[in-house]
């Protein structure tokens, strides 16, 4: 039997200043700014979508007349988690080892600086957060050492929560 445990506390602080450099985005954002306060939800949604499409590659909208997501963002977060492992192995003969293991992994959350999480009408630093990733991993296996050869068989199962993936 093998047991292990670990406690992790990860603190992150965000201090970011974001500025848009797209003139096309700024022009369209300015032209559609008045429609964002339209009482008709369809008009408001359409204006938001058009601004988002124009400004998507330019980080979602320049500040025109106080509008947009440009500005300074400050936030902090702390992730705390216990992780560990447990392994039970049994050597049935000198040549055969069987085992079952479980482990829990953890990767702290953080901030997406691509602005995709910000809403144009109410940009908050907390909208840039992403959650901590956790994984429970199980492994069942056997290893056999024969005369002149070795044989191993293993089955894995992993269950992720809040999987973190870098995409560009």
Protein backbone atom coordinates (compact mmCIF):
# COMPACT_ATOMS: atom_id res chain seq x y z
CA UNK A 1 0.00 0.00 0.00
CA UNK A 2 1.28 3.44 -0.94
CA UNK A 3 -0.38 6.65 0.25
CA UNK A 4 0.48 10.26 -0.44
CA UNK A 5 -1.13 13.64 0.14
CA UNK A 6 -0.38 17.22 -0.80
CA UNK A 7 -1.98 20.56 0.03
CA UNK A 8 -1.72 23.37 -2.52
CA UNK A 9 -2.63 27.01 -2.09
CA UNK A 10 -2.24 29.13 -5.21
CA UNK A 11 -2.77 32.90 -5.15
CA UNK A 12 -3.05 34.99 -8.29
CA UNK A 13 -3.43 38.71 -8.72
CA UNK A 14 -4.58 40.43 -11.90
CA UNK A 15 -3.43 43.94 -12.80
CA UNK A 16 -4.13 44.53 -16.49
CA UNK A 17 -4.56 47.55 -18.71
CA UNK A 18 -6.36 46.77 -21.96
CA UNK A 19 -6.61 49.03 -25.01
CA UNK A 20 -8.15 48.43 -28.42
CA UNK A 21 -6.26 49.37 -31.54
CA UNK A 22 -8.89 48.68 -34.22
CA UNK A 23 -10.35 51.74 -35.93
CA UNK A 24 -13.06 49.67 -37.65
CA UNK A 25 -14.13 48.33 -34.29
CA UNK A 26 -14.17 51.81 -32.75
CA UNK A 27 -16.18 53.29 -35.65
CA UNK A 28 -18.83 50.56 -35.59
CA UNK A 29 -18.98 50.52 -31.81
CA UNK A 30 -19.58 54.26 -31.81
CA UNK A 31 -22.25 54.00 -34.50
CA UNK A 32 -24.13 51.24 -32.65
CA UNK A 33 -23.59 52.51 -29.10
CA UNK A 34 -27.04 54.09 -28.83
CA UNK A 35 -28.73 50.82 -29.79
CA UNK A 36 -27.29 49.04 -26.76
CA UNK A 37 -29.73 50.90 -24.51
CA UNK A 38 -32.71 50.30 -26.83
CA UNK A 39 -35.71 48.90 -24.90
CA UNK A 40 -36.30 46.30 -27.62
CA UNK A 41 -34.24 43.23 -26.61
CA UNK A 42 -33.94 42.12 -30.25
CA UNK A 43 -32.38 45.46 -31.31
CA UNK A 44 -30.04 45.42 -28.30
CA UNK A 45 -29.01 41.81 -29.01
CA UNK A 46 -28.41 42.53 -32.70
CA UNK A 47 -26.25 45.60 -31.90
CA UNK A 48 -24.23 43.60 -29.35
CA UNK A 49 -23.71 40.79 -31.88
CA UNK A 50 -22.62 43.15 -34.67
CA UNK A 51 -20.15 44.89 -32.39
CA UNK A 52 -18.85 41.52 -31.21
CA UNK A 53 -18.35 40.27 -34.78
CA UNK A 54 -16.53 43.42 -35.87
CA UNK A 55 -14.40 43.62 -32.77
CA UNK A 56 -13.75 39.94 -32.09
CA UNK A 57 -10.22 39.99 -33.51
CA UNK A 58 -9.55 43.35 -31.88
CA UNK A 59 -10.45 42.25 -28.40
CA UNK A 60 -14.14 43.19 -28.27
CA UNK A 61 -14.61 46.85 -28.67
CA UNK A 62 -12.89 50.16 -28.09
CA UNK A 63 -13.96 52.72 -25.55
CA UNK A 64 -15.96 55.25 -27.54
CA UNK A 65 -17.78 57.76 -25.39
CA UNK A 66 -17.30 55.58 -22.32
CA UNK A 67 -18.34 52.39 -24.11
CA UNK A 68 -16.38 49.16 -24.51
CA UNK A 69 -14.10 46.94 -22.50
CA UNK A 70 -10.87 48.96 -22.60
CA UNK A 71 -9.53 50.00 -19.25
CA UNK A 72 -7.75 48.80 -16.15
CA UNK A 73 -8.72 45.51 -14.51
CA UNK A 74 -7.75 44.39 -11.01
CA UNK A 75 -8.72 41.19 -9.26
CA UNK A 76 -7.30 38.41 -7.12
CA UNK A 77 -8.16 34.81 -6.47
CA UNK A 78 -6.97 31.96 -4.27
CA UNK A 79 -7.35 28.25 -5.00
CA UNK A 80 -6.84 25.70 -2.22
CA UNK A 81 -6.95 21.96 -2.74
CA UNK A 82 -5.88 18.65 -1.24
CA UNK A 83 -4.55 16.14 -3.75
CA UNK A 84 -3.09 12.73 -3.32
CA UNK A 85 -2.60 9.17 -4.37
CA UNK A 86 -3.42 5.70 -3.11
CA UNK A 87 -1.97 2.51 -4.58
CA UNK A 88 -2.64 -1.09 -3.67
CA UNK A 89 -0.29 -3.59 -5.27
CA UNK A 90 -0.09 -7.34 -4.84
CA UNK A 91 2.69 -9.62 -5.97
CA UNK A 92 0.96 -12.96 -6.46
CA UNK A 93 4.20 -14.62 -7.56
CA UNK A 94 7.80 -13.47 -8.03
CA UNK A 95 6.93 -12.83 -11.69
CA UNK A 96 3.43 -11.25 -11.46
CA UNK A 97 2.54 -7.87 -9.97
CA UNK A 98 -1.02 -6.53 -9.95
CA UNK A 99 -2.08 -3.07 -8.84
CA UNK A 100 -4.93 -0.61 -8.50
CA UNK A 101 -4.29 3.10 -8.07
CA UNK A 102 -6.25 6.30 -7.62
CA UNK A 103 -4.91 9.84 -7.72
CA UNK A 104 -6.37 13.32 -7.67
CA UNK A 105 -4.70 16.12 -9.61
CA UNK A 106 -5.25 19.86 -9.45
CA UNK A 107 -4.29 22.88 -11.54
CA UNK A 108 -5.22 26.30 -10.15
CA UNK A 109 -7.59 28.58 -12.03
CA UNK A 110 -6.57 31.91 -13.45
CA UNK A 111 -7.49 34.66 -15.89
CA UNK A 112 -8.20 34.67 -19.63
CA UNK A 113 -6.68 37.85 -21.01
CA UNK A 114 -8.26 37.50 -24.45
CA UNK A 115 -11.35 39.39 -23.17
CA UNK A 116 -13.74 36.76 -24.57
CA UNK A 117 -15.44 36.49 -21.17
CA UNK A 118 -16.18 40.20 -20.89
CA UNK A 119 -19.63 41.52 -21.65
CA UNK A 120 -19.61 44.80 -23.50
CA UNK A 121 -22.24 46.48 -21.35
CA UNK A 122 -20.79 45.56 -17.93
CA UNK A 123 -17.12 44.56 -18.08
CA UNK A 124 -15.78 43.27 -14.74
CA UNK A 125 -12.39 41.74 -13.97
CA UNK A 126 -14.12 38.73 -12.38
CA UNK A 127 -15.50 37.84 -15.84
CA UNK A 128 -11.95 37.01 -16.92
CA UNK A 129 -11.62 34.22 -14.34
CA UNK A 130 -11.50 30.53 -15.16
CA UNK A 131 -12.00 27.77 -12.61
CA UNK A 132 -9.44 25.35 -11.22
CA UNK A 133 -9.05 22.04 -13.03
CA UNK A 134 -9.40 18.79 -11.09
CA UNK A 135 -8.94 15.21 -12.23
CA UNK A 136 -9.57 11.87 -10.58
CA UNK A 137 -7.50 9.15 -12.25
CA UNK A 138 -7.86 5.40 -11.80
CA UNK A 139 -5.44 2.75 -13.05
CA UNK A 140 -5.73 -1.04 -12.94
CA UNK A 141 -2.87 -3.12 -14.19
CA UNK A 142 -0.66 -6.16 -14.15
CA UNK A 143 3.01 -6.72 -15.00
CA UNK A 144 4.47 -10.13 -15.77
CA UNK A 145 8.16 -10.89 -16.07
CA UNK A 146 8.70 -14.13 -17.97
CA UNK A 147 11.83 -15.86 -19.15
CA UNK A 148 13.24 -13.51 -21.76
CA UNK A 149 10.17 -11.28 -22.05
CA UNK A 150 8.00 -8.85 -20.11
CA UNK A 151 4.29 -8.26 -20.48
CA UNK A 152 2.19 -5.46 -19.06
CA UNK A 153 -1.49 -4.57 -19.31
CA UNK A 154 -3.09 -1.43 -17.94
CA UNK A 155 -6.55 0.15 -18.00
CA UNK A 156 -6.98 3.88 -17.28
CA UNK A 157 -9.98 6.00 -16.39
CA UNK A 158 -9.83 9.77 -15.84
CA UNK A 159 -12.64 12.13 -14.88
CA UNK A 160 -11.98 15.87 -15.35
CA UNK A 161 -13.78 18.89 -13.91
CA UNK A 162 -13.15 22.29 -15.54
CA UNK A 163 -10.61 20.98 -18.03
CA UNK A 164 -8.16 23.74 -19.02
CA UNK A 165 -7.19 23.85 -22.68
CA UNK A 166 -5.06 26.46 -24.42
CA UNK A 167 -6.48 27.27 -27.84
CA UNK A 168 -5.61 30.11 -30.17
